[in-house]
PDB file of N, CA and C in Angstrom:
ATOM      1  N   MET A   1      35.480  -9.763  14.200  1.00  0.00           N
ATOM      2  CA  MET A   1      34.137 -10.055  14.648  1.00  0.00           C
ATOM      3  C   MET A   1      34.036 -11.553  14.916  1.00  0.00           C
ATOM      4  N   SER A   2      33.398 -11.908  15.997  1.00  0.00           N
ATOM      5  CA  SER A   2      33.306 -13.309  16.367  1.00  0.00           C
ATOM      6  C   SER A   2      32.254 -14.025  15.523  1.00  0.00           C
ATOM      7  N   GLN A   3      32.363 -15.338  15.507  1.00  0.00           N
ATOM      8  CA  GLN A   3      31.414 -16.173  14.759  1.00  0.00           C
ATOM      9  C   GLN A   3      29.997 -16.001  15.313  1.00  0.00           C
ATOM     10  N   CYS A   4      29.892 -15.878  16.630  1.00  0.00           N
ATOM     11  CA  CYS A   4      28.587 -15.711  17.277  1.00  0.00           C
ATOM     12  C   CYS A   4      27.920 -14.410  16.839  1.00  0.00           C
ATOM     13  N   SER A   5      28.698 -13.344  16.742  1.00  0.00           N
ATOM     14  CA  SER A   5      28.158 -12.058  16.316  1.00  0.00           C
ATOM     15  C   SER A   5      27.655 -12.125  14.872  1.00  0.00           C
ATOM     16  N   LEU A   6      28.399 -12.834  14.024  1.00  0.00           N
ATOM     17  CA  LEU A   6      27.976 -12.983  12.638  1.00  0.00           C
ATOM     18  C   LEU A   6      26.649 -13.723  12.545  1.00  0.00           C
ATOM     19  N   ILE A   7      26.497 -14.761  13.333  1.00  0.00           N
ATOM     20  CA  ILE A   7      25.251 -15.532  13.342  1.00  0.00           C
ATOM     21  C   ILE A   7      24.105 -14.655  13.821  1.00  0.00           C
ATOM     22  N   ASN A   8      24.343 -13.867  14.873  1.00  0.00           N
ATOM     23  CA  ASN A   8      23.300 -12.978  15.384  1.00  0.00           C
ATOM     24  C   ASN A   8      22.889 -11.948  14.337  1.00  0.00           C
ATOM     25  N   TYR A   9      23.855 -11.394  13.620  1.00  0.00           N
ATOM     26  CA  TYR A   9      23.548 -10.424  12.578  1.00  0.00           C
ATOM     27  C   TYR A   9      22.742 -11.070  11.457  1.00  0.00           C
ATOM     28  N   LYS A  10      23.105 -12.301  11.095  1.00  0.00           N
ATOM     29  CA  LYS A  10      22.374 -12.993  10.033  1.00  0.00           C
ATOM     30  C   LYS A  10      20.936 -13.288  10.467  1.00  0.00           C
ATOM     31  N   LEU A  11      20.751 -13.713  11.703  1.00  0.00           N
ATOM     32  CA  LEU A  11      19.405 -13.990  12.203  1.00  0.00           C
ATOM     33  C   LEU A  11      18.572 -12.713  12.253  1.00  0.00           C
ATOM     34  N   LEU A  12      19.176 -11.643  12.717  1.00  0.00           N
ATOM     35  CA  LEU A  12      18.483 -10.364  12.779  1.00  0.00           C
ATOM     36  C   LEU A  12      18.081  -9.900  11.377  1.00  0.00           C
ATOM     37  N   ALA A  13      18.984 -10.049  10.422  1.00  0.00           N
ATOM     38  CA  ALA A  13      18.700  -9.656   9.047  1.00  0.00           C
ATOM     39  C   ALA A  13      17.557 -10.493   8.474  1.00  0.00           C
ATOM     40  N   GLN A  14      17.533 -11.784   8.771  1.00  0.00           N
ATOM     41  CA  GLN A  14      16.456 -12.655   8.297  1.00  0.00           C
ATOM     42  C   GLN A  14      15.116 -12.245   8.906  1.00  0.00           C
ATOM     43  N   GLN A  15      15.102 -11.940  10.192  1.00  0.00           N
ATOM     44  CA  GLN A  15      13.866 -11.527  10.857  1.00  0.00           C
ATOM     45  C   GLN A  15      13.352 -10.218  10.266  1.00  0.00           C
ATOM     46  N   GLN A  16      14.256  -9.283  10.044  1.00  0.00           N
ATOM     47  CA  GLN A  16      13.844  -7.993   9.494  1.00  0.00           C
ATOM     48  C   GLN A  16      13.349  -8.146   8.061  1.00  0.00           C
ATOM     49  N   GLN A  17      13.962  -9.035   7.306  1.00  0.00           N
ATOM     50  CA  GLN A  17      13.509  -9.275   5.934  1.00  0.00           C
ATOM     51  C   GLN A  17      12.104  -9.868   5.925  1.00  0.00           C
ATOM     52  N   LYS A  18      11.828 -10.771   6.855  1.00  0.00           N
ATOM     53  CA  LYS A  18      10.493 -11.370   6.956  1.00  0.00           C
ATOM     54  C   LYS A  18       9.460 -10.309   7.326  1.00  0.00           C
ATOM     55  N   GLN A  19       9.795  -9.450   8.278  1.00  0.00           N
ATOM     56  CA  GLN A  19       8.876  -8.377   8.668  1.00  0.00           C
ATOM     57  C   GLN A  19       8.658  -7.400   7.521  1.00  0.00           C
ATOM     58  N   LEU A  20       9.709  -7.084   6.794  1.00  0.00           N
ATOM     59  CA  LEU A  20       9.600  -6.180   5.667  1.00  0.00           C
ATOM     60  C   LEU A  20       8.695  -6.765   4.590  1.00  0.00           C
ATOM     61  N   THR A  21       8.819  -8.044   4.330  1.00  0.00           N
ATOM     62  CA  THR A  21       7.963  -8.711   3.350  1.00  0.00           C
ATOM     63  C   THR A  21       6.508  -8.640   3.774  1.00  0.00           C
ATOM     64  N   THR A  22       6.245  -8.871   5.063  1.00  0.00           N
ATOM     65  CA  THR A  22       4.881  -8.800   5.583  1.00  0.00           C
ATOM     66  C   THR A  22       4.328  -7.386   5.441  1.00  0.00           C
ATOM     67  N   LEU A  23       5.127  -6.397   5.797  1.00  0.00           N
ATOM     68  CA  LEU A  23       4.683  -5.006   5.691  1.00  0.00           C
ATOM     69  C   LEU A  23       4.432  -4.600   4.244  1.00  0.00           C
ATOM     70  N   GLN A  24       5.278  -5.070   3.337  1.00  0.00           N
ATOM     71  CA  GLN A  24       5.080  -4.745   1.930  1.00  0.00           C
ATOM     72  C   GLN A  24       3.782  -5.357   1.409  1.00  0.00           C
ATOM     73  N   ALA A  25       3.478  -6.571   1.832  1.00  0.00           N
ATOM     74  CA  ALA A  25       2.235  -7.215   1.418  1.00  0.00           C
ATOM     75  C   ALA A  25       1.031  -6.454   1.962  1.00  0.00           C
ATOM     76  N   GLN A  26       1.113  -6.030   3.220  1.00  0.00           N
ATOM     77  CA  GLN A  26       0.016  -5.270   3.805  1.00  0.00           C
ATOM     78  C   GLN A  26      -0.142  -3.919   3.118  1.00  0.00           C
ATOM     79  N   LEU A  27       0.955  -3.272   2.800  1.00  0.00           N
ATOM     80  CA  LEU A  27       0.906  -1.991   2.104  1.00  0.00           C
ATOM     81  C   LEU A  27       0.305  -2.159   0.713  1.00  0.00           C
ATOM     82  N   GLN A  28       0.681  -3.226   0.022  1.00  0.00           N
ATOM     83  CA  GLN A  28       0.132  -3.475  -1.302  1.00  0.00           C
ATOM     84  C   GLN A  28      -1.373  -3.699  -1.218  1.00  0.00           C
ATOM     85  N   THR A  29      -1.823  -4.404  -0.192  1.00  0.00           N
ATOM     86  CA  THR A  29      -3.254  -4.616   0.015  1.00  0.00           C
ATOM     87  C   THR A  29      -3.948  -3.284   0.249  1.00  0.00           C
ATOM     88  N   LEU A  30      -3.355  -2.445   1.072  1.00  0.00           N
ATOM     89  CA  LEU A  30      -3.919  -1.127   1.359  1.00  0.00           C
ATOM     90  C   LEU A  30      -4.034  -0.293   0.090  1.00  0.00           C
ATOM     91  N   LEU A  31      -2.995  -0.282  -0.713  1.00  0.00           N
ATOM     92  CA  LEU A  31      -3.008   0.494  -1.948  1.00  0.00           C
ATOM     93  C   LEU A  31      -4.043  -0.048  -2.929  1.00  0.00           C
ATOM     94  N   THR A  32      -4.165  -1.340  -3.015  1.00  0.00           N
ATOM     95  CA  THR A  32      -5.144  -1.956  -3.909  1.00  0.00           C
ATOM     96  C   THR A  32      -6.558  -1.594  -3.492  1.00  0.00           C
ATOM     97  N   VAL A  33      -6.828  -1.641  -2.197  1.00  0.00           N
ATOM     98  CA  VAL A  33      -8.154  -1.298  -1.696  1.00  0.00           C
ATOM     99  C   VAL A  33      -8.460   0.167  -1.958  1.00  0.00           C
ATOM    100  N   GLN A  34      -7.489   1.034  -1.773  1.00  0.00           N
ATOM    101  CA  GLN A  34      -7.707   2.456  -2.018  1.00  0.00           C
ATOM    102  C   GLN A  34      -7.988   2.723  -3.495  1.00  0.00           C
ATOM    103  N   GLU A  35      -7.288   2.034  -4.376  1.00  0.00           N
ATOM    104  CA  GLU A  35      -7.466   2.242  -5.805  1.00  0.00           C
ATOM    105  C   GLU A  35      -8.822   1.734  -6.285  1.00  0.00           C
ATOM    106  N   THR A  36      -9.233   0.575  -5.788  1.00  0.00           N
ATOM    107  CA  THR A  36     -10.483  -0.023  -6.255  1.00  0.00           C
ATOM    108  C   THR A  36     -11.693   0.474  -5.489  1.00  0.00           C
ATOM    109  N   GLY A  37     -11.447   1.013  -4.272  1.00  0.00           N
ATOM    110  CA  GLY A  37     -12.559   1.486  -3.463  1.00  0.00           C
ATOM    111  C   GLY A  37     -13.444   0.353  -2.984  1.00  0.00           C
ATOM    112  N   SER A  38     -12.896  -0.842  -2.857  1.00  0.00           N
ATOM    113  CA  SER A  38     -13.703  -2.013  -2.511  1.00  0.00           C
ATOM    114  C   SER A  38     -13.996  -2.125  -1.028  1.00  0.00           C
ATOM    115  N   CYS A  39     -13.582  -1.159  -0.257  1.00  0.00           N
ATOM    116  CA  CYS A  39     -13.794  -1.245   1.190  1.00  0.00           C
ATOM    117  C   CYS A  39     -14.760  -0.165   1.655  1.00  0.00           C
ATOM    118  N   GLY A  40     -15.747   0.168   0.864  1.00  0.00           N
ATOM    119  CA  GLY A  40     -16.681   1.212   1.232  1.00  0.00           C
ATOM    120  C   GLY A  40     -17.803   0.690   2.092  1.00  0.00           C
ATOM    121  N   GLY A  41     -18.556   1.625   2.660  1.00  0.00           N
ATOM    122  CA  GLY A  41     -19.740   1.255   3.407  1.00  0.00           C
ATOM    123  C   GLY A  41     -19.485   0.595   4.736  1.00  0.00           C
ATOM    124  N   GLY A  42     -18.320   0.753   5.299  1.00  0.00           N
ATOM    125  CA  GLY A  42     -18.042   0.200   6.612  1.00  0.00           C
ATOM    126  C   GLY A  42     -17.702  -1.283   6.607  1.00  0.00           C
ATOM    127  N   ALA A  43     -17.574  -1.887   5.449  1.00  0.00           N
ATOM    128  CA  ALA A  43     -17.229  -3.307   5.402  1.00  0.00           C
ATOM    129  C   ALA A  43     -15.784  -3.479   5.795  1.00  0.00           C
ATOM    130  N   SER A  44     -15.522  -4.478   6.619  1.00  0.00           N
ATOM    131  CA  SER A  44     -14.145  -4.696   7.049  1.00  0.00           C
ATOM    132  C   SER A  44     -13.398  -5.513   6.007  1.00  0.00           C
ATOM    133  N   THR A  45     -12.142  -5.216   5.858  1.00  0.00           N
ATOM    134  CA  THR A  45     -11.283  -5.918   4.926  1.00  0.00           C
ATOM    135  C   THR A  45     -10.432  -6.900   5.701  1.00  0.00           C
ATOM    136  N   GLU A  46     -10.267  -8.075   5.149  1.00  0.00           N
ATOM    137  CA  GLU A  46      -9.410  -9.060   5.796  1.00  0.00           C
ATOM    138  C   GLU A  46      -7.954  -8.638   5.604  1.00  0.00           C
ATOM    139  N   VAL A  47      -7.267  -8.502   6.692  1.00  0.00           N
ATOM    140  CA  VAL A  47      -5.858  -8.124   6.664  1.00  0.00           C
ATOM    141  C   VAL A  47      -5.170  -8.891   7.790  1.00  0.00           C
ATOM    142  N   ALA A  48      -3.941  -9.288   7.536  1.00  0.00           N
ATOM    143  CA  ALA A  48      -3.212 -10.075   8.533  1.00  0.00           C
ATOM    144  C   ALA A  48      -2.975  -9.259   9.793  1.00  0.00           C
ATOM    145  N   LYS A  49      -3.196  -9.895  10.930  1.00  0.00           N
ATOM    146  CA  LYS A  49      -2.916  -9.227  12.197  1.00  0.00           C
ATOM    147  C   LYS A  49      -1.408  -9.134  12.384  1.00  0.00           C
ATOM    148  N   PRO A  50      -0.936  -8.075  13.039  1.00  0.00           N
ATOM    149  CA  PRO A  50       0.501  -7.968  13.308  1.00  0.00           C
ATOM    150  C   PRO A  50       0.964  -9.134  14.186  1.00  0.00           C
ATOM    151  N   GLN A  51       2.203  -9.507  14.005  1.00  0.00           N
ATOM    152  CA  GLN A  51       2.766 -10.558  14.843  1.00  0.00           C
ATOM    153  C   GLN A  51       2.828 -10.082  16.283  1.00  0.00           C
ATOM    154  N   VAL A  52       2.785 -11.018  17.206  1.00  0.00           N
ATOM    155  CA  VAL A  52       2.865 -10.677  18.623  1.00  0.00           C
ATOM    156  C   VAL A  52       4.230 -10.048  18.897  1.00  0.00           C
ATOM    157  N   PHE A  53       4.220  -8.917  19.579  1.00  0.00           N
ATOM    158  CA  PHE A  53       5.466  -8.203  19.872  1.00  0.00           C
ATOM    159  C   PHE A  53       6.235  -8.943  20.962  1.00  0.00           C
ATOM    160  N   ASP A  54       7.491  -9.225  20.702  1.00  0.00           N
ATOM    161  CA  ASP A  54       8.305  -9.989  21.649  1.00  0.00           C
ATOM    162  C   ASP A  54       9.246  -9.110  22.477  1.00  0.00           C
ATOM    163  N   LYS A  55       8.970  -7.798  22.507  1.00  0.00           N
ATOM    164  CA  LYS A  55       9.723  -6.825  23.299  1.00  0.00           C
ATOM    165  C   LYS A  55      11.169  -6.647  22.846  1.00  0.00           C
ATOM    166  N   THR A  56      11.463  -7.010  21.609  1.00  0.00           N
ATOM    167  CA  THR A  56      12.797  -6.812  21.057  1.00  0.00           C
ATOM    168  C   THR A  56      12.914  -5.374  20.576  1.00  0.00           C
ATOM    169  N   PRO A  57      13.879  -4.613  21.087  1.00  0.00           N
ATOM    170  CA  PRO A  57      13.992  -3.199  20.710  1.00  0.00           C
ATOM    171  C   PRO A  57      14.109  -2.979  19.199  1.00  0.00           C
ATOM    172  N   GLU A  58      14.745  -3.896  18.496  1.00  0.00           N
ATOM    173  CA  GLU A  58      14.937  -3.728  17.060  1.00  0.00           C
ATOM    174  C   GLU A  58      13.624  -3.852  16.288  1.00  0.00           C
ATOM    175  N   LYS A  59      12.610  -4.447  16.896  1.00  0.00           N
ATOM    176  CA  LYS A  59      11.353  -4.700  16.190  1.00  0.00           C
ATOM    177  C   LYS A  59      10.250  -3.695  16.519  1.00  0.00           C
ATOM    178  N   VAL A  60      10.539  -2.715  17.354  1.00  0.00           N
ATOM    179  CA  VAL A  60       9.519  -1.763  17.787  1.00  0.00           C
ATOM    180  C   VAL A  60       8.927  -1.018  16.591  1.00  0.00           C
ATOM    181  N   LEU A  61       9.758  -0.461  15.739  1.00  0.00           N
ATOM    182  CA  LEU A  61       9.288   0.320  14.608  1.00  0.00           C
ATOM    183  C   LEU A  61       8.421  -0.520  13.681  1.00  0.00           C
ATOM    184  N   TYR A  62       8.866  -1.734  13.363  1.00  0.00           N
ATOM    185  CA  TYR A  62       8.110  -2.604  12.468  1.00  0.00           C
ATOM    186  C   TYR A  62       6.763  -2.987  13.075  1.00  0.00           C
ATOM    187  N   PHE A  63       6.743  -3.215  14.373  1.00  0.00           N
ATOM    188  CA  PHE A  63       5.499  -3.566  15.056  1.00  0.00           C
ATOM    189  C   PHE A  63       4.520  -2.394  15.009  1.00  0.00           C
ATOM    190  N   MET A  64       5.017  -1.195  15.255  1.00  0.00           N
ATOM    191  CA  MET A  64       4.154  -0.018  15.237  1.00  0.00           C
ATOM    192  C   MET A  64       3.577   0.223  13.838  1.00  0.00           C
ATOM    193  N   ILE A  65       4.391   0.074  12.816  1.00  0.00           N
ATOM    194  CA  ILE A  65       3.926   0.260  11.445  1.00  0.00           C
ATOM    195  C   ILE A  65       2.873  -0.784  11.096  1.00  0.00           C
ATOM    196  N   ALA A  66       3.126  -2.029  11.476  1.00  0.00           N
ATOM    197  CA  ALA A  66       2.164  -3.098  11.203  1.00  0.00           C
ATOM    198  C   ALA A  66       0.841  -2.831  11.906  1.00  0.00           C
ATOM    199  N   CYS A  67       0.885  -2.346  13.132  1.00  0.00           N
ATOM    200  CA  CYS A  67      -0.346  -2.037  13.878  1.00  0.00           C
ATOM    201  C   CYS A  67      -1.115  -0.894  13.220  1.00  0.00           C
ATOM    202  N   LYS A  68      -0.395   0.138  12.810  1.00  0.00           N
ATOM    203  CA  LYS A  68      -1.054   1.269  12.153  1.00  0.00           C
ATOM    204  C   LYS A  68      -1.727   0.834  10.856  1.00  0.00           C
ATOM    205  N   LEU A  69      -1.026   0.043  10.056  1.00  0.00           N
ATOM    206  CA  LEU A  69      -1.610  -0.448   8.809  1.00  0.00           C
ATOM    207  C   LEU A  69      -2.841  -1.306   9.086  1.00  0.00           C
ATOM    208  N   TYR A  70      -2.734  -2.171  10.080  1.00  0.00           N
ATOM    209  CA  TYR A  70      -3.853  -3.053  10.434  1.00  0.00           C
ATOM    210  C   TYR A  70      -5.073  -2.234  10.841  1.00  0.00           C
ATOM    211  N   LEU A  71      -4.859  -1.255  11.710  1.00  0.00           N
ATOM    212  CA  LEU A  71      -5.982  -0.447  12.175  1.00  0.00           C
ATOM    213  C   LEU A  71      -6.583   0.396  11.050  1.00  0.00           C
ATOM    214  N   ARG A  72      -5.744   0.956  10.206  1.00  0.00           N
ATOM    215  CA  ARG A  72      -6.251   1.751   9.091  1.00  0.00           C
ATOM    216  C   ARG A  72      -7.095   0.907   8.145  1.00  0.00           C
ATOM    217  N   MET A  73      -6.632  -0.303   7.877  1.00  0.00           N
ATOM    218  CA  MET A  73      -7.384  -1.178   6.978  1.00  0.00           C
ATOM    219  C   MET A  73      -8.710  -1.591   7.602  1.00  0.00           C
ATOM    220  N   ARG A  74      -8.704  -1.888   8.868  1.00  0.00           N
ATOM    221  CA  ARG A  74      -9.922  -2.343   9.542  1.00  0.00           C
ATOM    222  C   ARG A  74     -10.931  -1.203   9.729  1.00  0.00           C
ATOM    223  N   MET A  75     -10.457   0.024   9.872  1.00  0.00           N
ATOM    224  CA  MET A  75     -11.341   1.146  10.150  1.00  0.00           C
ATOM    225  C   MET A  75     -11.663   2.003   8.935  1.00  0.00           C
ATOM    226  N   LYS A  76     -11.177   1.613   7.778  1.00  0.00           N
ATOM    227  CA  LYS A  76     -11.431   2.398   6.566  1.00  0.00           C
ATOM    228  C   LYS A  76     -12.922   2.392   6.259  1.00  0.00           C
ATOM    229  N   GLY A  77     -13.488   3.575   6.093  1.00  0.00           N
ATOM    230  CA  GLY A  77     -14.891   3.703   5.774  1.00  0.00           C
ATOM    231  C   GLY A  77     -15.839   3.646   6.955  1.00  0.00           C
ATOM    232  N   VAL A  78     -15.286   3.494   8.158  1.00  0.00           N
ATOM    233  CA  VAL A  78     -16.113   3.445   9.362  1.00  0.00           C
ATOM    234  C   VAL A  78     -16.208   4.855   9.934  1.00  0.00           C
ATOM    235  N   VAL A  79     -17.401   5.262  10.313  1.00  0.00           N
ATOM    236  CA  VAL A  79     -17.568   6.603  10.871  1.00  0.00           C
ATOM    237  C   VAL A  79     -16.824   6.728  12.198  1.00  0.00           C
ATOM    238  N   VAL A  80     -16.438   7.950  12.516  1.00  0.00           N
ATOM    239  CA  VAL A  80     -15.601   8.201  13.690  1.00  0.00           C
ATOM    240  C   VAL A  80     -16.255   7.689  14.972  1.00  0.00           C
ATOM    241  N   GLU A  81     -17.566   7.866  15.094  1.00  0.00           N
ATOM    242  CA  GLU A  81     -18.250   7.423  16.305  1.00  0.00           C
ATOM    243  C   GLU A  81     -18.099   5.930  16.543  1.00  0.00           C
ATOM    244  N   LYS A  82     -18.139   5.148  15.461  1.00  0.00           N
ATOM    245  CA  LYS A  82     -17.970   3.700  15.600  1.00  0.00           C
ATOM    246  C   LYS A  82     -16.514   3.322  15.839  1.00  0.00           C
ATOM    247  N   GLN A  83     -15.583   4.120  15.345  1.00  0.00           N
ATOM    248  CA  GLN A  83     -14.160   3.838  15.558  1.00  0.00           C
ATOM    249  C   GLN A  83     -13.810   3.967  17.038  1.00  0.00           C
ATOM    250  N   ILE A  84     -14.425   4.930  17.688  1.00  0.00           N
ATOM    251  CA  ILE A  84     -14.131   5.167  19.098  1.00  0.00           C
ATOM    252  C   ILE A  84     -14.751   4.072  19.925  1.00  0.00           C
TER     253      ILE A  84
END
């Protein structure tokens, strides 16, 4: 394996680790809110917005998960009519 390939793998691993850390933090926030019920009555919860997608194929799954978590947190307790 070439030196360049090793560097690319290390950079990719670092990026994925950063995304995983962000997703874990968002998931922990979601679980905490669900347990405490502190997001009732349509109040929005502050949650980090997903990072801007840079069209990298390896990041598609992480971006989609981050978007789903973001939307679920923002729409928790909001009636369906207002969500639409």
